[in-house]
PDB file of N, CA and C in Angstrom:
ATOM      1  N   UNK A   1      94.249 -64.233  73.150  1.00  0.00           N
ATOM      2  CA  UNK A   1      94.214 -64.717  74.621  1.00  0.00           C
ATOM      3  C   UNK A   1      93.065 -64.224  75.054  1.00  0.00           C
ATOM      4  N   UNK A   2      92.523 -65.049  76.059  1.00  0.00           N
ATOM      5  CA  UNK A   2      91.054 -64.637  76.628  1.00  0.00           C
ATOM      6  C   UNK A   2      91.165 -63.982  77.989  1.00  0.00           C
ATOM      7  N   UNK A   3      90.207 -63.184  78.158  1.00  0.00           N
ATOM      8  CA  UNK A   3      90.002 -62.021  79.056  1.00  0.00           C
ATOM      9  C   UNK A   3      90.491 -62.810  80.309  1.00  0.00           C
ATOM     10  N   UNK A   4      90.329 -63.694  80.899  1.00  0.00           N
ATOM     11  CA  UNK A   4      90.625 -64.683  82.165  1.00  0.00           C
ATOM     12  C   UNK A   4      91.981 -64.715  82.139  1.00  0.00           C
ATOM     13  N   UNK A   5      93.102 -65.497  80.894  1.00  0.00           N
ATOM     14  CA  UNK A   5      94.080 -65.516  81.178  1.00  0.00           C
ATOM     15  C   UNK A   5      94.806 -64.099  81.388  1.00  0.00           C
ATOM     16  N   UNK A   6      94.660 -63.098  80.325  1.00  0.00           N
ATOM     17  CA  UNK A   6      94.828 -61.623  80.211  1.00  0.00           C
ATOM     18  C   UNK A   6      94.792 -61.177  82.152  1.00  0.00           C
ATOM     19  N   UNK A   7      93.679 -61.021  82.785  1.00  0.00           N
ATOM     20  CA  UNK A   7      93.717 -61.009  84.205  1.00  0.00           C
ATOM     21  C   UNK A   7      94.536 -61.636  84.905  1.00  0.00           C
ATOM     22  N   UNK A   8      94.655 -62.997  84.590  1.00  0.00           N
ATOM     23  CA  UNK A   8      95.636 -63.610  85.419  1.00  0.00           C
ATOM     24  C   UNK A   8      97.063 -62.992  85.253  1.00  0.00           C
ATOM     25  N   UNK A   9      97.666 -62.775  83.849  1.00  0.00           N
ATOM     26  CA  UNK A   9      98.872 -62.374  83.802  1.00  0.00           C
ATOM     27  C   UNK A   9      99.405 -60.927  84.427  1.00  0.00           C
ATOM     28  N   UNK A  10      97.925 -60.269  84.300  1.00  0.00           N
ATOM     29  CA  UNK A  10      98.147 -59.055  85.186  1.00  0.00           C
ATOM     30  C   UNK A  10      98.220 -58.872  86.141  1.00  0.00           C
ATOM     31  N   UNK A  11      97.858 -59.654  86.989  1.00  0.00           N
ATOM     32  CA  UNK A  11      97.317 -60.197  88.281  1.00  0.00           C
ATOM     33  C   UNK A  11      99.213 -60.294  89.191  1.00  0.00           C
ATOM     34  N   UNK A  12      99.493 -61.699  87.846  1.00  0.00           N
ATOM     35  CA  UNK A  12     101.135 -62.205  88.128  1.00  0.00           C
ATOM     36  C   UNK A  12     101.999 -61.294  88.246  1.00  0.00           C
ATOM     37  N   UNK A  13     101.781 -60.085  86.611  1.00  0.00           N
ATOM     38  CA  UNK A  13     102.829 -59.234  86.438  1.00  0.00           C
ATOM     39  C   UNK A  13     103.110 -58.231  87.615  1.00  0.00           C
ATOM     40  N   UNK A  14     101.932 -57.988  88.381  1.00  0.00           N
ATOM     41  CA  UNK A  14     101.679 -56.924  89.260  1.00  0.00           C
ATOM     42  C   UNK A  14     102.410 -57.420  90.293  1.00  0.00           C
ATOM     43  N   UNK A  15     102.231 -58.580  90.946  1.00  0.00           N
ATOM     44  CA  UNK A  15     102.745 -59.211  91.925  1.00  0.00           C
ATOM     45  C   UNK A  15     103.720 -59.539  91.787  1.00  0.00           C
ATOM     46  N   UNK A  16     104.398 -59.738  90.767  1.00  0.00           N
ATOM     47  CA  UNK A  16     106.471 -59.694  90.446  1.00  0.00           C
ATOM     48  C   UNK A  16     106.884 -58.662  90.542  1.00  0.00           C
ATOM     49  N   UNK A  17     106.196 -57.589  90.002  1.00  0.00           N
ATOM     50  CA  UNK A  17     106.451 -56.266  90.021  1.00  0.00           C
ATOM     51  C   UNK A  17     106.750 -55.612  91.657  1.00  0.00           C
ATOM     52  N   UNK A  18     105.645 -55.903  92.529  1.00  0.00           N
ATOM     53  CA  UNK A  18     105.804 -55.649  93.924  1.00  0.00           C
ATOM     54  C   UNK A  18     107.121 -56.032  94.643  1.00  0.00           C
ATOM     55  N   UNK A  19     107.417 -57.671  94.061  1.00  0.00           N
ATOM     56  CA  UNK A  19     108.453 -58.389  94.426  1.00  0.00           C
ATOM     57  C   UNK A  19     109.839 -57.571  94.263  1.00  0.00           C
ATOM     58  N   UNK A  20     109.643 -57.494  93.160  1.00  0.00           N
ATOM     59  CA  UNK A  20     111.345 -56.886  92.768  1.00  0.00           C
ATOM     60  C   UNK A  20     111.324 -55.079  93.138  1.00  0.00           C
ATOM     61  N   UNK A  21     110.184 -54.625  93.758  1.00  0.00           N
ATOM     62  CA  UNK A  21     110.301 -53.621  94.223  1.00  0.00           C
ATOM     63  C   UNK A  21     110.873 -53.450  95.374  1.00  0.00           C
ATOM     64  N   UNK A  22     110.526 -54.575  96.184  1.00  0.00           N
ATOM     65  CA  UNK A  22     110.826 -54.929  97.544  1.00  0.00           C
ATOM     66  C   UNK A  22     112.035 -55.104  97.678  1.00  0.00           C
ATOM     67  N   UNK A  23     112.471 -56.121  96.438  1.00  0.00           N
ATOM     68  CA  UNK A  23     113.935 -56.578  96.211  1.00  0.00           C
ATOM     69  C   UNK A  23     114.953 -55.860  96.011  1.00  0.00           C
ATOM     70  N   UNK A  24     114.506 -54.923  95.020  1.00  0.00           N
ATOM     71  CA  UNK A  24     115.138 -53.563  94.726  1.00  0.00           C
ATOM     72  C   UNK A  24     115.680 -52.579  95.935  1.00  0.00           C
ATOM     73  N   UNK A  25     114.677 -52.630  96.815  1.00  0.00           N
ATOM     74  CA  UNK A  25     114.909 -51.245  97.891  1.00  0.00           C
ATOM     75  C   UNK A  25     116.012 -52.357  98.884  1.00  0.00           C
ATOM     76  N   UNK A  26     115.852 -54.097  99.199  1.00  0.00           N
ATOM     77  CA  UNK A  26     116.703 -54.768 100.045  1.00  0.00           C
ATOM     78  C   UNK A  26     118.066 -54.799  99.468  1.00  0.00           C
ATOM     79  N   UNK A  27     118.230 -55.030  98.290  1.00  0.00           N
ATOM     80  CA  UNK A  27     119.233 -55.106  97.580  1.00  0.00           C
ATOM     81  C   UNK A  27     119.906 -53.928  96.926  1.00  0.00           C
ATOM     82  N   UNK A  28     119.097 -52.581  97.077  1.00  0.00           N
ATOM     83  CA  UNK A  28     119.917 -51.390  97.018  1.00  0.00           C
ATOM     84  C   UNK A  28     120.469 -51.357  95.245  1.00  0.00           C
ATOM     85  N   UNK A  29     119.750 -51.933  93.997  1.00  0.00           N
ATOM     86  CA  UNK A  29     120.194 -52.181  92.853  1.00  0.00           C
ATOM     87  C   UNK A  29     118.760 -53.267  92.590  1.00  0.00           C
ATOM     88  N   UNK A  30     118.653 -52.544  90.835  1.00  0.00           N
ATOM     89  CA  UNK A  30     117.907 -53.472  89.864  1.00  0.00           C
ATOM     90  C   UNK A  30     118.567 -53.926  88.835  1.00  0.00           C
ATOM     91  N   UNK A  31     118.421 -55.212  88.603  1.00  0.00           N
ATOM     92  CA  UNK A  31     118.859 -55.589  87.530  1.00  0.00           C
ATOM     93  C   UNK A  31     117.904 -55.578  86.092  1.00  0.00           C
ATOM     94  N   UNK A  32     118.329 -55.853  85.540  1.00  0.00           N
ATOM     95  CA  UNK A  32     117.749 -55.610  83.902  1.00  0.00           C
ATOM     96  C   UNK A  32     116.448 -56.610  83.818  1.00  0.00           C
ATOM     97  N   UNK A  33     116.871 -57.757  84.171  1.00  0.00           N
ATOM     98  CA  UNK A  33     115.712 -58.947  84.160  1.00  0.00           C
ATOM     99  C   UNK A  33     114.112 -58.664  85.019  1.00  0.00           C
ATOM    100  N   UNK A  34     114.373 -57.461  86.181  1.00  0.00           N
ATOM    101  CA  UNK A  34     113.698 -56.759  86.963  1.00  0.00           C
ATOM    102  C   UNK A  34     112.382 -56.613  86.511  1.00  0.00           C
ATOM    103  N   UNK A  35     112.367 -55.756  85.110  1.00  0.00           N
ATOM    104  CA  UNK A  35     111.346 -55.385  84.153  1.00  0.00           C
ATOM    105  C   UNK A  35     110.509 -56.222  83.404  1.00  0.00           C
ATOM    106  N   UNK A  36     110.800 -57.982  83.513  1.00  0.00           N
ATOM    107  CA  UNK A  36     110.034 -58.540  82.764  1.00  0.00           C
ATOM    108  C   UNK A  36     108.876 -59.058  83.453  1.00  0.00           C
ATOM    109  N   UNK A  37     108.408 -58.767  84.948  1.00  0.00           N
ATOM    110  CA  UNK A  37     107.256 -58.936  85.451  1.00  0.00           C
ATOM    111  C   UNK A  37     106.404 -57.416  85.152  1.00  0.00           C
ATOM    112  N   UNK A  38     106.389 -56.205  84.693  1.00  0.00           N
ATOM    113  CA  UNK A  38     105.876 -55.298  84.085  1.00  0.00           C
ATOM    114  C   UNK A  38     105.690 -55.428  82.852  1.00  0.00           C
ATOM    115  N   UNK A  39     106.634 -56.122  81.922  1.00  0.00           N
ATOM    116  CA  UNK A  39     106.524 -56.611  80.421  1.00  0.00           C
ATOM    117  C   UNK A  39     105.283 -57.264  80.572  1.00  0.00           C
ATOM    118  N   UNK A  40     105.136 -58.391  81.179  1.00  0.00           N
ATOM    119  CA  UNK A  40     103.819 -59.137  81.315  1.00  0.00           C
ATOM    120  C   UNK A  40     102.734 -58.403  81.560  1.00  0.00           C
ATOM    121  N   UNK A  41     102.497 -57.576  82.855  1.00  0.00           N
ATOM    122  CA  UNK A  41     101.680 -56.241  83.234  1.00  0.00           C
ATOM    123  C   UNK A  41     100.866 -55.628  82.230  1.00  0.00           C
ATOM    124  N   UNK A  42     102.438 -55.197  81.318  1.00  0.00           N
ATOM    125  CA  UNK A  42     101.534 -54.666  80.351  1.00  0.00           C
ATOM    126  C   UNK A  42     100.781 -55.122  78.922  1.00  0.00           C
ATOM    127  N   UNK A  43     101.668 -56.265  78.835  1.00  0.00           N
ATOM    128  CA  UNK A  43     100.908 -57.074  78.038  1.00  0.00           C
ATOM    129  C   UNK A  43      99.789 -57.131  78.188  1.00  0.00           C
ATOM    130  N   UNK A  44      99.555 -57.995  79.373  1.00  0.00           N
ATOM    131  CA  UNK A  44      98.113 -58.152  79.998  1.00  0.00           C
ATOM    132  C   UNK A  44      96.825 -56.883  79.930  1.00  0.00           C
ATOM    133  N   UNK A  45      97.682 -55.592  80.206  1.00  0.00           N
ATOM    134  CA  UNK A  45      96.765 -54.951  80.181  1.00  0.00           C
ATOM    135  C   UNK A  45      96.591 -54.228  78.731  1.00  0.00           C
ATOM    136  N   UNK A  46      97.247 -54.416  77.989  1.00  0.00           N
ATOM    137  CA  UNK A  46      97.075 -54.237  76.438  1.00  0.00           C
ATOM    138  C   UNK A  46      96.118 -54.828  75.829  1.00  0.00           C
ATOM    139  N   UNK A  47      96.348 -56.143  76.063  1.00  0.00           N
ATOM    140  CA  UNK A  47      95.155 -57.481  75.694  1.00  0.00           C
ATOM    141  C   UNK A  47      93.916 -56.661  76.325  1.00  0.00           C
ATOM    142  N   UNK A  48      93.857 -56.383  77.585  1.00  0.00           N
ATOM    143  CA  UNK A  48      91.956 -56.019  78.468  1.00  0.00           C
ATOM    144  C   UNK A  48      91.650 -54.665  77.723  1.00  0.00           C
ATOM    145  N   UNK A  49      92.529 -54.005  77.191  1.00  0.00           N
ATOM    146  CA  UNK A  49      91.925 -52.708  76.570  1.00  0.00           C
ATOM    147  C   UNK A  49      91.631 -52.893  74.983  1.00  0.00           C
ATOM    148  N   UNK A  50      91.904 -54.142  74.545  1.00  0.00           N
ATOM    149  CA  UNK A  50      92.160 -53.970  72.866  1.00  0.00           C
ATOM    150  C   UNK A  50      90.859 -53.787  72.259  1.00  0.00           C
ATOM    151  N   UNK A  51      89.700 -53.984  72.900  1.00  0.00           N
ATOM    152  CA  UNK A  51      88.828 -53.956  72.453  1.00  0.00           C
ATOM    153  C   UNK A  51      87.933 -52.370  72.548  1.00  0.00           C
ATOM    154  N   UNK A  52      88.003 -52.297  73.949  1.00  0.00           N
ATOM    155  CA  UNK A  52      87.264 -51.057  74.450  1.00  0.00           C
ATOM    156  C   UNK A  52      87.975 -49.869  73.882  1.00  0.00           C
ATOM    157  N   UNK A  53      89.635 -49.472  74.003  1.00  0.00           N
ATOM    158  CA  UNK A  53      90.602 -48.375  74.227  1.00  0.00           C
ATOM    159  C   UNK A  53      91.545 -48.864  73.126  1.00  0.00           C
ATOM    160  N   UNK A  54      91.554 -48.957  71.896  1.00  0.00           N
ATOM    161  CA  UNK A  54      92.348 -49.605  71.120  1.00  0.00           C
ATOM    162  C   UNK A  54      94.165 -48.744  71.090  1.00  0.00           C
ATOM    163  N   UNK A  55      93.474 -47.263  71.313  1.00  0.00           N
ATOM    164  CA  UNK A  55      94.572 -46.593  70.568  1.00  0.00           C
ATOM    165  C   UNK A  55      95.388 -46.561  72.375  1.00  0.00           C
ATOM    166  N   UNK A  56      94.618 -46.731  73.415  1.00  0.00           N
ATOM    167  CA  UNK A  56      95.631 -47.281  74.779  1.00  0.00           C
ATOM    168  C   UNK A  56      96.221 -48.405  74.777  1.00  0.00           C
ATOM    169  N   UNK A  57      95.938 -49.741  74.170  1.00  0.00           N
ATOM    170  CA  UNK A  57      96.404 -50.587  73.888  1.00  0.00           C
ATOM    171  C   UNK A  57      97.582 -50.638  72.976  1.00  0.00           C
ATOM    172  N   UNK A  58      97.762 -49.965  71.838  1.00  0.00           N
ATOM    173  CA  UNK A  58      98.844 -49.859  70.772  1.00  0.00           C
ATOM    174  C   UNK A  58      99.932 -49.093  71.989  1.00  0.00           C
ATOM    175  N   UNK A  59      99.483 -48.401  72.985  1.00  0.00           N
ATOM    176  CA  UNK A  59     100.495 -47.441  73.230  1.00  0.00           C
ATOM    177  C   UNK A  59     100.859 -48.224  74.574  1.00  0.00           C
ATOM    178  N   UNK A  60     100.637 -49.474  75.348  1.00  0.00           N
ATOM    179  CA  UNK A  60     101.099 -50.139  75.986  1.00  0.00           C
ATOM    180  C   UNK A  60     102.370 -51.689  75.541  1.00  0.00           C
ATOM    181  N   UNK A  61     101.184 -51.696  74.409  1.00  0.00           N
ATOM    182  CA  UNK A  61     102.226 -52.572  73.615  1.00  0.00           C
ATOM    183  C   UNK A  61     103.325 -51.793  73.461  1.00  0.00           C
ATOM    184  N   UNK A  62     103.669 -50.890  72.781  1.00  0.00           N
ATOM    185  CA  UNK A  62     104.533 -50.077  72.327  1.00  0.00           C
ATOM    186  C   UNK A  62     105.476 -49.962  73.535  1.00  0.00           C
ATOM    187  N   UNK A  63     105.289 -49.505  74.585  1.00  0.00           N
ATOM    188  CA  UNK A  63     105.982 -49.048  75.811  1.00  0.00           C
ATOM    189  C   UNK A  63     106.566 -50.450  76.546  1.00  0.00           C
ATOM    190  N   UNK A  64     105.783 -51.286  76.187  1.00  0.00           N
ATOM    191  CA  UNK A  64     105.828 -52.940  76.873  1.00  0.00           C
ATOM    192  C   UNK A  64     107.301 -53.424  75.497  1.00  0.00           C
ATOM    193  N   UNK A  65     107.236 -52.965  74.257  1.00  0.00           N
ATOM    194  CA  UNK A  65     108.247 -53.246  73.398  1.00  0.00           C
ATOM    195  C   UNK A  65     109.696 -52.338  73.595  1.00  0.00           C
ATOM    196  N   UNK A  66     109.189 -51.611  73.718  1.00  0.00           N
ATOM    197  CA  UNK A  66     110.928 -50.353  74.156  1.00  0.00           C
ATOM    198  C   UNK A  66     111.320 -50.907  75.384  1.00  0.00           C
ATOM    199  N   UNK A  67     110.619 -51.059  76.637  1.00  0.00           N
ATOM    200  CA  UNK A  67     111.230 -51.652  77.659  1.00  0.00           C
ATOM    201  C   UNK A  67     111.971 -53.035  77.758  1.00  0.00           C
ATOM    202  N   UNK A  68     111.273 -53.927  76.672  1.00  0.00           N
ATOM    203  CA  UNK A  68     111.857 -55.262  76.334  1.00  0.00           C
ATOM    204  C   UNK A  68     113.016 -54.876  75.908  1.00  0.00           C
ATOM    205  N   UNK A  69     113.149 -54.589  74.635  1.00  0.00           N
ATOM    206  CA  UNK A  69     114.297 -53.973  73.888  1.00  0.00           C
ATOM    207  C   UNK A  69     115.548 -53.530  74.548  1.00  0.00           C
ATOM    208  N   UNK A  70     115.401 -52.421  75.750  1.00  0.00           N
ATOM    209  CA  UNK A  70     115.967 -51.951  76.349  1.00  0.00           C
ATOM    210  C   UNK A  70     116.762 -52.902  77.338  1.00  0.00           C
ATOM    211  N   UNK A  71     115.757 -53.436  78.013  1.00  0.00           N
ATOM    212  CA  UNK A  71     116.082 -54.177  79.360  1.00  0.00           C
ATOM    213  C   UNK A  71     117.331 -55.156  78.303  1.00  0.00           C
ATOM    214  N   UNK A  72     116.288 -56.373  77.630  1.00  0.00           N
ATOM    215  CA  UNK A  72     116.963 -56.945  77.160  1.00  0.00           C
ATOM    216  C   UNK A  72     118.288 -56.659  76.286  1.00  0.00           C
ATOM    217  N   UNK A  73     118.567 -55.696  75.966  1.00  0.00           N
ATOM    218  CA  UNK A  73     119.868 -54.895  75.725  1.00  0.00           C
ATOM    219  C   UNK A  73     121.119 -54.866  76.459  1.00  0.00           C
ATOM    220  N   UNK A  74     120.392 -54.316  77.455  1.00  0.00           N
ATOM    221  CA  UNK A  74     121.154 -53.959  78.431  1.00  0.00           C
ATOM    222  C   UNK A  74     121.930 -55.284  79.588  1.00  0.00           C
ATOM    223  N   UNK A  75     120.941 -56.717  79.830  1.00  0.00           N
ATOM    224  CA  UNK A  75     121.211 -57.615  80.049  1.00  0.00           C
ATOM    225  C   UNK A  75     122.127 -58.760  78.846  1.00  0.00           C
ATOM    226  N   UNK A  76     121.831 -58.550  77.707  1.00  0.00           N
ATOM    227  CA  UNK A  76     122.412 -58.849  77.089  1.00  0.00           C
ATOM    228  C   UNK A  76     124.044 -58.354  76.628  1.00  0.00           C
ATOM    229  N   UNK A  77     123.889 -57.488  76.981  1.00  0.00           N
ATOM    230  CA  UNK A  77     125.137 -56.451  76.085  1.00  0.00           C
ATOM    231  C   UNK A  77     126.413 -57.144  77.388  1.00  0.00           C
ATOM    232  N   UNK A  78     125.798 -57.023  78.898  1.00  0.00           N
ATOM    233  CA  UNK A  78     126.638 -57.296  80.116  1.00  0.00           C
ATOM    234  C   UNK A  78     127.427 -58.892  80.336  1.00  0.00           C
ATOM    235  N   UNK A  79     126.340 -59.382  79.752  1.00  0.00           N
ATOM    236  CA  UNK A  79     126.439 -60.867  79.554  1.00  0.00           C
ATOM    237  C   UNK A  79     127.394 -61.255  78.473  1.00  0.00           C
ATOM    238  N   UNK A  80     126.824 -60.907  77.314  1.00  0.00           N
ATOM    239  CA  UNK A  80     127.890 -61.071  76.439  1.00  0.00           C
ATOM    240  C   UNK A  80     129.377 -60.643  76.733  1.00  0.00           C
ATOM    241  N   UNK A  81     129.546 -59.349  77.394  1.00  0.00           N
ATOM    242  CA  UNK A  81     131.125 -58.570  77.308  1.00  0.00           C
ATOM    243  C   UNK A  81     131.745 -59.828  78.850  1.00  0.00           C
ATOM    244  N   UNK A  82     130.917 -60.285  79.740  1.00  0.00           N
ATOM    245  CA  UNK A  82     131.499 -61.472  80.533  1.00  0.00           C
ATOM    246  C   UNK A  82     131.825 -62.760  79.587  1.00  0.00           C
ATOM    247  N   UNK A  83     131.291 -63.014  78.817  1.00  0.00           N
ATOM    248  CA  UNK A  83     131.228 -64.220  78.052  1.00  0.00           C
ATOM    249  C   UNK A  83     132.659 -63.832  77.623  1.00  0.00           C
ATOM    250  N   UNK A  84     133.215 -62.996  76.580  1.00  0.00           N
ATOM    251  CA  UNK A  84     133.936 -62.570  76.173  1.00  0.00           C
ATOM    252  C   UNK A  84     135.312 -62.490  76.713  1.00  0.00           C
ATOM    253  N   UNK A  85     135.166 -61.765  77.729  1.00  0.00           N
ATOM    254  CA  UNK A  85     135.879 -61.589  78.677  1.00  0.00           C
ATOM    255  C   UNK A  85     136.673 -63.016  79.602  1.00  0.00           C
ATOM    256  N   UNK A  86     135.619 -63.915  79.234  1.00  0.00           N
ATOM    257  CA  UNK A  86     136.119 -65.316  80.124  1.00  0.00           C
ATOM    258  C   UNK A  86     135.720 -65.115  81.837  1.00  0.00           C
ATOM    259  N   UNK A  87     134.676 -64.260  82.157  1.00  0.00           N
ATOM    260  CA  UNK A  87     134.341 -64.014  83.626  1.00  0.00           C
ATOM    261  C   UNK A  87     133.523 -65.032  83.714  1.00  0.00           C
ATOM    262  N   UNK A  88     132.658 -64.374  84.897  1.00  0.00           N
ATOM    263  CA  UNK A  88     131.235 -65.177  84.766  1.00  0.00           C
ATOM    264  C   UNK A  88     130.026 -64.502  84.199  1.00  0.00           C
ATOM    265  N   UNK A  89     129.209 -65.245  84.282  1.00  0.00           N
ATOM    266  CA  UNK A  89     127.958 -64.268  83.128  1.00  0.00           C
ATOM    267  C   UNK A  89     126.938 -65.434  83.554  1.00  0.00           C
ATOM    268  N   UNK A  90     125.135 -64.887  83.458  1.00  0.00           N
ATOM    269  CA  UNK A  90     124.279 -65.270  83.814  1.00  0.00           C
ATOM    270  C   UNK A  90     123.943 -65.794  82.589  1.00  0.00           C
ATOM    271  N   UNK A  91     123.182 -67.025  82.572  1.00  0.00           N
ATOM    272  CA  UNK A  91     122.547 -67.467  81.431  1.00  0.00           C
ATOM    273  C   UNK A  91     121.507 -66.722  81.088  1.00  0.00           C
ATOM    274  N   UNK A  92     120.875 -66.457  81.644  1.00  0.00           N
ATOM    275  CA  UNK A  92     119.452 -65.810  81.545  1.00  0.00           C
ATOM    276  C   UNK A  92     119.320 -64.234  81.112  1.00  0.00           C
ATOM    277  N   UNK A  93     120.631 -63.904  81.025  1.00  0.00           N
ATOM    278  CA  UNK A  93     120.636 -62.211  80.677  1.00  0.00           C
ATOM    279  C   UNK A  93     121.450 -62.858  79.105  1.00  0.00           C
ATOM    280  N   UNK A  94     122.261 -63.572  78.987  1.00  0.00           N
ATOM    281  CA  UNK A  94     122.777 -63.985  77.576  1.00  0.00           C
ATOM    282  C   UNK A  94     121.648 -64.482  76.746  1.00  0.00           C
ATOM    283  N   UNK A  95     120.530 -65.443  77.647  1.00  0.00           N
ATOM    284  CA  UNK A  95     119.365 -65.804  76.623  1.00  0.00           C
ATOM    285  C   UNK A  95     118.564 -64.254  76.198  1.00  0.00           C
ATOM    286  N   UNK A  96     118.330 -63.617  77.097  1.00  0.00           N
ATOM    287  CA  UNK A  96     117.497 -62.479  76.909  1.00  0.00           C
ATOM    288  C   UNK A  96     118.207 -61.813  75.641  1.00  0.00           C
ATOM    289  N   UNK A  97     119.570 -61.519  75.776  1.00  0.00           N
ATOM    290  CA  UNK A  97     120.295 -60.372  75.119  1.00  0.00           C
ATOM    291  C   UNK A  97     119.956 -61.145  73.213  1.00  0.00           C
ATOM    292  N   UNK A  98     120.128 -62.779  73.336  1.00  0.00           N
ATOM    293  CA  UNK A  98     120.059 -63.433  71.841  1.00  0.00           C
ATOM    294  C   UNK A  98     118.418 -62.993  71.739  1.00  0.00           C
ATOM    295  N   UNK A  99     117.564 -63.331  72.401  1.00  0.00           N
ATOM    296  CA  UNK A  99     115.908 -63.079  72.475  1.00  0.00           C
ATOM    297  C   UNK A  99     116.004 -61.763  71.944  1.00  0.00           C
ATOM    298  N   UNK A 100     116.617 -60.270  72.165  1.00  0.00           N
ATOM    299  CA  UNK A 100     115.792 -59.252  72.139  1.00  0.00           C
ATOM    300  C   UNK A 100     116.501 -59.044  70.560  1.00  0.00           C
ATOM    301  N   UNK A 101     117.668 -59.725  70.225  1.00  0.00           N
ATOM    302  CA  UNK A 101     118.053 -59.701  68.825  1.00  0.00           C
ATOM    303  C   UNK A 101     116.958 -60.254  67.975  1.00  0.00           C
ATOM    304  N   UNK A 102     116.785 -61.426  68.049  1.00  0.00           N
ATOM    305  CA  UNK A 102     115.553 -61.915  67.403  1.00  0.00           C
ATOM    306  C   UNK A 102     114.220 -61.202  67.142  1.00  0.00           C
ATOM    307  N   UNK A 103     114.259 -60.513  68.046  1.00  0.00           N
ATOM    308  CA  UNK A 103     113.183 -59.715  68.217  1.00  0.00           C
ATOM    309  C   UNK A 103     113.173 -58.469  67.647  1.00  0.00           C
ATOM    310  N   UNK A 104     113.976 -57.742  67.611  1.00  0.00           N
ATOM    311  CA  UNK A 104     114.467 -56.843  66.843  1.00  0.00           C
ATOM    312  C   UNK A 104     114.520 -57.071  65.152  1.00  0.00           C
ATOM    313  N   UNK A 105     115.090 -58.599  64.917  1.00  0.00           N
ATOM    314  CA  UNK A 105     115.321 -58.939  63.526  1.00  0.00           C
ATOM    315  C   UNK A 105     113.396 -59.262  62.984  1.00  0.00           C
ATOM    316  N   UNK A 106     112.628 -59.369  63.412  1.00  0.00           N
ATOM    317  CA  UNK A 106     111.499 -59.604  63.345  1.00  0.00           C
ATOM    318  C   UNK A 106     110.680 -58.513  63.205  1.00  0.00           C
ATOM    319  N   UNK A 107     110.787 -57.955  64.083  1.00  0.00           N
ATOM    320  CA  UNK A 107     110.204 -56.439  64.041  1.00  0.00           C
ATOM    321  C   UNK A 107     110.665 -55.264  62.811  1.00  0.00           C
ATOM    322  N   UNK A 108     111.474 -55.469  62.549  1.00  0.00           N
ATOM    323  CA  UNK A 108     112.690 -54.704  61.495  1.00  0.00           C
ATOM    324  C   UNK A 108     111.669 -55.165  60.330  1.00  0.00           C
ATOM    325  N   UNK A 109     111.939 -56.982  60.065  1.00  0.00           N
ATOM    326  CA  UNK A 109     111.198 -57.734  58.893  1.00  0.00           C
ATOM    327  C   UNK A 109     109.874 -57.310  58.659  1.00  0.00           C
ATOM    328  N   UNK A 110     108.936 -57.314  59.567  1.00  0.00           N
ATOM    329  CA  UNK A 110     107.827 -56.921  59.536  1.00  0.00           C
ATOM    330  C   UNK A 110     107.022 -55.163  59.173  1.00  0.00           C
ATOM    331  N   UNK A 111     107.999 -54.630  59.226  1.00  0.00           N
ATOM    332  CA  UNK A 111     108.079 -53.133  59.185  1.00  0.00           C
ATOM    333  C   UNK A 111     108.754 -52.762  57.828  1.00  0.00           C
ATOM    334  N   UNK A 112     109.534 -53.958  57.303  1.00  0.00           N
ATOM    335  CA  UNK A 112     109.883 -53.553  55.644  1.00  0.00           C
ATOM    336  C   UNK A 112     108.765 -53.953  55.108  1.00  0.00           C
ATOM    337  N   UNK A 113     107.983 -55.670  55.423  1.00  0.00           N
ATOM    338  CA  UNK A 113     107.628 -55.551  54.555  1.00  0.00           C
ATOM    339  C   UNK A 113     105.725 -54.991  54.362  1.00  0.00           C
ATOM    340  N   UNK A 114     105.838 -54.321  55.588  1.00  0.00           N
ATOM    341  CA  UNK A 114     104.785 -53.660  55.500  1.00  0.00           C
ATOM    342  C   UNK A 114     104.699 -52.064  54.574  1.00  0.00           C
ATOM    343  N   UNK A 115     106.199 -51.896  55.034  1.00  0.00           N
ATOM    344  CA  UNK A 115     106.322 -50.619  54.033  1.00  0.00           C
ATOM    345  C   UNK A 115     106.339 -50.796  52.578  1.00  0.00           C
ATOM    346  N   UNK A 116     106.653 -51.966  52.006  1.00  0.00           N
ATOM    347  CA  UNK A 116     106.410 -52.728  50.620  1.00  0.00           C
ATOM    348  C   UNK A 116     105.596 -52.702  50.136  1.00  0.00           C
ATOM    349  N   UNK A 117     104.534 -53.398  51.009  1.00  0.00           N
ATOM    350  CA  UNK A 117     103.083 -53.498  50.672  1.00  0.00           C
ATOM    351  C   UNK A 117     102.630 -51.824  50.381  1.00  0.00           C
ATOM    352  N   UNK A 118     102.811 -51.055  50.674  1.00  0.00           N
ATOM    353  CA  UNK A 118     102.429 -49.606  50.829  1.00  0.00           C
ATOM    354  C   UNK A 118     101.879 -49.363  49.569  1.00  0.00           C
ATOM    355  N   UNK A 119     100.242 -48.789  49.654  1.00  0.00           N
ATOM    356  CA  UNK A 119      99.744 -48.775  47.924  1.00  0.00           C
ATOM    357  C   UNK A 119     100.672 -47.233  47.696  1.00  0.00           C
ATOM    358  N   UNK A 120     100.973 -47.360  46.263  1.00  0.00           N
ATOM    359  CA  UNK A 120     101.384 -46.672  45.826  1.00  0.00           C
ATOM    360  C   UNK A 120     100.191 -44.967  45.425  1.00  0.00           C
ATOM    361  N   UNK A 121     100.554 -44.376  45.178  1.00  0.00           N
ATOM    362  CA  UNK A 121     100.150 -43.116  45.000  1.00  0.00           C
ATOM    363  C   UNK A 121      99.497 -43.027  43.441  1.00  0.00           C
ATOM    364  N   UNK A 122      98.301 -42.911  42.903  1.00  0.00           N
ATOM    365  CA  UNK A 122      97.789 -43.301  41.383  1.00  0.00           C
ATOM    366  C   UNK A 122      98.180 -42.274  40.695  1.00  0.00           C
ATOM    367  N   UNK A 123      98.795 -42.591  39.460  1.00  0.00           N
ATOM    368  CA  UNK A 123      99.467 -41.341  38.951  1.00  0.00           C
ATOM    369  C   UNK A 123      98.500 -40.617  38.137  1.00  0.00           C
ATOM    370  N   UNK A 124      98.073 -39.432  37.806  1.00  0.00           N
ATOM    371  CA  UNK A 124      97.300 -38.813  37.102  1.00  0.00           C
ATOM    372  C   UNK A 124      97.271 -37.714  36.260  1.00  0.00           C
ATOM    373  N   UNK A 125      97.065 -37.614  34.796  1.00  0.00           N
ATOM    374  CA  UNK A 125      97.188 -37.075  34.179  1.00  0.00           C
ATOM    375  C   UNK A 125      96.961 -35.635  33.988  1.00  0.00           C
TER     376      UNK A 125
END
């Protein structure tokens, strides 16, 4: 991602965060999908810090991943429960639940692949 795009994503994510804060103050509650502007801002911040501070970039990406899984799981669980009960549900939340399941599956697959390629200790007599 270019620095210009990352800066733009950081600005857009920050504006989204402010909008969601104002909305939460007005309505008195946060929805799980209100976390996604923060994910955009964290991801863009991680991209901007990747070259100068790689450790900080990894931390931002890890925080974004945890937020994604938690918020998507909550949103998806609510929507799937409503779907099975036959009550109204939000298609966005239903889709987020599916995407989180796919995201966790891909990350688990990558982790398994990385662990299987780990070099073994040489046998010394």
